[in-house]
Protein backbone atom coordinates (compact mmCIF):
# COMPACT_ATOMS: atom_id res chain seq x y z
CA MET A 1 -0.23 0.12 0.14
CA GLY A 2 1.89 3.24 -1.25
CA GLN A 3 1.91 6.78 1.06
CA ILE A 4 -1.32 8.40 -0.19
CA ASP A 5 -3.43 4.81 -0.02
CA ARG A 6 -2.18 4.50 3.84
CA ILE A 7 -3.65 7.93 4.52
CA ILE A 8 -6.71 7.54 3.03
CA GLN A 9 -7.34 4.75 5.19
CA GLY A 10 -6.04 6.07 8.04
CA GLY A 11 -8.72 9.23 7.58
CA GLU A 12 -11.51 6.76 6.81
CA ASP A 13 -10.77 4.43 9.81
CA LEU A 14 -11.05 7.65 11.92
CA PHE A 15 -13.72 9.73 10.23
CA LEU A 16 -15.97 6.51 10.19
CA THR A 17 -15.84 6.23 14.17
CA ALA A 18 -15.63 10.20 15.39
CA GLY A 19 -17.16 11.86 12.31
CA ILE A 20 -15.23 14.07 10.14
CA LYS A 21 -14.93 17.60 11.59
CA SER A 22 -13.49 16.48 14.83
CA VAL A 23 -10.77 14.40 13.23
CA THR A 24 -7.98 16.69 12.64
CA MET A 25 -4.37 16.11 10.77
CA ASP A 26 -2.68 15.50 14.13
CA ASP A 27 -5.36 12.42 14.83
CA ILE A 28 -4.42 11.23 11.76
CA ALA A 29 -0.69 11.24 11.89
CA LYS A 30 -0.62 10.21 15.50
CA HIS A 31 -3.03 7.02 14.39
CA LEU A 32 -0.66 6.46 11.10
CA GLY A 33 2.37 6.70 12.92
CA MET A 34 3.84 9.35 10.64
CA SER A 35 4.50 12.97 10.69
CA LYS A 36 1.70 15.67 9.80
CA LYS A 37 4.79 17.05 7.29
CA THR A 38 4.77 13.90 5.31
CA ILE A 39 1.02 13.95 4.92
CA TYR A 40 1.18 17.83 3.64
CA GLN A 41 3.01 16.44 1.56
CA PHE A 42 0.37 14.58 -0.38
CA PHE A 43 -2.88 17.18 0.80
CA LYS A 44 -2.99 20.33 1.41
CA ASP A 45 -5.22 20.21 4.18
CA LYS A 46 -8.05 18.24 5.35
CA ASN A 47 -10.67 18.84 2.53
CA GLU A 48 -8.49 17.39 0.13
CA LEU A 49 -8.12 14.31 1.89
CA VAL A 50 -11.63 13.91 2.37
CA ILE A 51 -12.61 14.66 -1.50
CA ALA A 52 -9.73 11.78 -2.41
CA LEU A 53 -11.53 9.43 0.39
CA VAL A 54 -14.60 9.95 -0.75
CA LYS A 55 -13.53 9.15 -4.44
CA LYS A 56 -12.08 6.20 -3.47
CA LYS A 57 -14.96 5.02 -1.91
CA LEU A 58 -17.18 5.77 -4.59
CA GLN A 59 -15.06 3.93 -7.40
CA GLN A 60 -15.46 0.77 -5.02
CA ASP A 61 -18.86 1.06 -4.59
CA GLU A 62 -19.32 1.16 -8.49
CA ASP A 63 -17.12 -1.82 -8.73
CA GLN A 64 -18.83 -3.95 -6.09
CA MET A 65 -22.60 -3.35 -7.93
CA CYS A 66 -20.62 -4.12 -11.34
CA ALA A 67 -19.34 -7.86 -9.35
CA ILE A 68 -22.51 -8.12 -7.82
CA MET A 69 -24.89 -7.81 -11.15
CA LEU A 70 -22.27 -9.98 -12.86
CA LYS A 71 -22.62 -12.63 -10.33
CA SER A 72 -26.49 -13.01 -9.97
CA GLU A 73 -28.59 -15.00 -11.86
CA ASN A 74 -31.42 -13.06 -11.83
CA VAL A 75 -32.55 -9.38 -10.97
CA ILE A 76 -34.71 -10.51 -7.49
CA GLU A 77 -30.98 -12.45 -6.54
CA GLU A 78 -29.27 -8.93 -7.32
CA MET A 79 -31.84 -7.02 -5.00
CA ILE A 80 -31.23 -9.57 -2.77
CA ASN A 81 -27.06 -9.36 -2.76
CA MET A 82 -27.67 -5.71 -3.11
CA MET A 83 -29.17 -5.65 0.20
CA LYS A 84 -26.15 -7.46 1.75
CA CYS A 85 -23.43 -5.36 0.18
CA SER A 86 -25.81 -2.13 1.53
CA GLN A 87 -26.02 -3.83 5.17
CA GLU A 88 -21.86 -4.05 5.29
CA ILE A 89 -21.67 -0.27 4.08
CA PHE A 90 -24.19 0.85 6.27
CA SER A 91 -23.27 -0.82 9.41
CA ARG A 92 -19.73 0.45 9.02
CA ILE A 93 -21.13 4.32 8.83
CA ASN A 94 -21.54 6.62 11.03
CA PRO A 95 -24.38 8.71 10.25
CA ILE A 96 -22.31 11.76 12.03
CA VAL A 97 -20.24 11.41 8.55
CA ILE A 98 -23.05 12.33 6.28
CA HIS A 99 -23.76 15.10 8.24
CA ASP A 100 -20.68 16.63 8.41
CA LEU A 101 -19.93 15.85 4.92
CA GLN A 102 -22.93 17.68 3.71
CA LYS A 103 -21.97 20.40 6.38
CA TYR A 104 -18.03 21.12 5.75
CA HIS A 105 -17.22 19.05 2.73
CA PRO A 106 -19.45 20.42 0.01
CA GLU A 107 -17.26 19.59 -3.00
CA ALA A 108 -16.85 16.56 -1.92
CA TRP A 109 -20.43 16.49 -1.20
CA GLN A 110 -20.86 17.49 -4.76
CA HIS A 111 -19.05 14.44 -6.01
CA PHE A 112 -21.21 12.17 -3.92
CA GLN A 113 -24.42 13.70 -5.36
CA THR A 114 -23.49 13.07 -8.73
CA PHE A 115 -22.15 9.95 -8.49
CA LYS A 116 -25.86 9.17 -6.98
CA ALA A 117 -27.63 11.16 -9.80
CA ASN A 118 -26.13 9.60 -12.66
CA VAL A 119 -23.84 6.08 -11.83
CA ILE A 120 -26.61 4.88 -9.20
CA VAL A 121 -30.28 6.21 -10.69
CA HIS A 122 -28.76 4.69 -14.41
CA THR A 123 -27.97 1.26 -12.53
CA LEU A 124 -30.92 1.11 -10.95
CA GLU A 125 -32.96 1.89 -14.09
CA GLU A 126 -31.55 -0.91 -16.16
CA LEU A 127 -32.13 -3.07 -12.86
CA LEU A 128 -35.43 -2.50 -13.25
CA THR A 129 -35.81 -2.48 -16.95
CA LYS A 130 -34.18 -6.14 -17.05
CA GLY A 131 -36.32 -7.06 -13.66
CA ILE A 132 -39.65 -6.70 -15.88
CA LYS A 133 -37.90 -7.94 -18.93
CA GLN A 134 -37.80 -11.04 -16.80
CA GLY A 135 -41.05 -10.86 -15.20
CA TYR A 136 -39.92 -10.26 -11.68
CA ILE A 137 -41.04 -6.77 -11.83
CA ARG A 138 -44.43 -4.85 -12.56
CA PRO A 139 -44.13 -3.43 -15.92
CA ASP A 140 -46.35 -1.17 -14.75
CA ILE A 141 -44.14 0.98 -12.54
CA ASP A 142 -42.17 3.70 -14.33
CA VAL A 143 -38.51 3.12 -14.14
CA LYS A 144 -37.13 6.74 -14.55
CA ILE A 145 -39.64 7.40 -10.81
CA MET A 146 -38.54 4.42 -9.25
CA ALA A 147 -35.06 5.00 -9.65
CA ARG A 148 -35.10 8.11 -8.48
CA MET A 149 -37.55 7.56 -5.84
CA ARG A 150 -35.26 4.71 -3.96
CA VAL A 151 -31.80 6.77 -4.22
CA ASN A 152 -33.20 9.71 -2.41
CA GLN A 153 -34.96 7.33 -0.05
CA VAL A 154 -31.47 6.14 1.12
CA GLU A 155 -30.20 9.60 1.84
CA MET A 156 -33.97 10.47 3.49
CA GLY A 157 -32.71 7.17 5.68
CA PHE A 158 -29.57 9.36 7.35
CA ASN A 159 -31.74 12.75 7.65
CA SER A 160 -30.93 12.63 11.55
CA ASN A 161 -34.45 15.26 11.39
CA ILE A 162 -36.81 12.39 10.39
CA PHE A 163 -34.98 9.54 12.41
CA PRO A 164 -32.87 10.93 15.02
CA ILE A 165 -29.91 8.60 15.70
CA ALA A 166 -30.82 8.43 19.78
CA GLU A 167 -33.92 6.51 18.72
CA PHE A 168 -33.03 4.66 15.43
CA SER A 169 -30.37 2.44 14.17
CA THR A 170 -29.18 3.68 10.52
CA TRP A 171 -28.91 -0.08 9.45
CA LYS A 172 -32.53 -0.80 10.43
CA VAL A 173 -33.83 2.14 8.94
CA GLN A 174 -32.55 1.86 5.71
CA TYR A 175 -33.55 -2.41 5.36
CA GLN A 176 -37.07 -1.01 6.10
CA LEU A 177 -37.11 1.45 3.20
CA LEU A 178 -35.56 -0.84 0.89
CA GLU A 179 -37.36 -3.77 2.17
CA HIS A 180 -40.18 -1.65 1.41
CA PHE A 181 -39.06 -0.69 -1.99
CA ASN A 182 -38.66 -4.48 -2.96
CA PHE A 183 -42.10 -5.58 -1.88
CA GLY A 184 -43.55 -2.71 -3.99
CA ILE A 185 -42.33 -3.40 -7.05
CA CYS A 186 -42.42 -7.05 -7.64
CA THR A 187 -44.61 -9.16 -9.61
CA LEU A 188 -46.29 -12.49 -7.72
CA LYS A 189 -43.32 -14.66 -9.58
CA GLY A 190 -40.82 -11.88 -8.26
CA TYR A 191 -42.57 -11.48 -4.74
CA LYS A 192 -42.39 -15.20 -4.12
CA LEU A 193 -38.55 -15.41 -5.12
CA LEU A 194 -37.78 -12.38 -2.89
CA ASN A 195 -39.49 -14.39 -0.01
CA GLU A 196 -37.30 -17.55 -0.77
CA PHE A 197 -34.31 -15.83 -0.68
CA LYS A 198 -35.29 -13.76 2.03
CA ASN A 199 -35.65 -16.50 3.94
CA ILE A 200 -32.79 -18.57 3.15
CA ASN A 201 -31.28 -15.45 4.53
CA ASP A 202 -32.65 -14.98 7.74
CA GLU A 203 -31.85 -18.51 8.65
């Protein structure tokens, strides 16, 4: 692992547990056992590091989505695998990170928004269209509307005004929203298969 990757990883370790705002470049340097001067050779400030980290994470998410779509036999299996993949991602994210990103790192947040609007919405549209052809997803749904709704649902799940962190588990909120969405778009054939996969996973 190169120096840049080590620094990004170190930042990620601390941000995910404590949020972004409360972590300083000093903290990251201490965590990595390197001098702050070394970090500043690669990143001029924390904001630049946050942007690099967001770009790296988004690329990883895209690769993971592509891998899931390649190895799944049908749309229902893809949806279940995306659920598992989401659980892993959401269980690691401290909701404060999302809040800090929006408030203090607008450029990094913009990368996330662009990714959401282009890559995720587009991937979902493809997934839904394919599911309609396979007979698992209702042909009467508007793919463009449903894809946008789903992406914005995820963001709503992170909104602490709607779901205060003290009362709700972030992952549980996301899981409920996702399950509601999945069962809402299925045909009877899709519903049966989704239930089968779900029971296998629950056991």
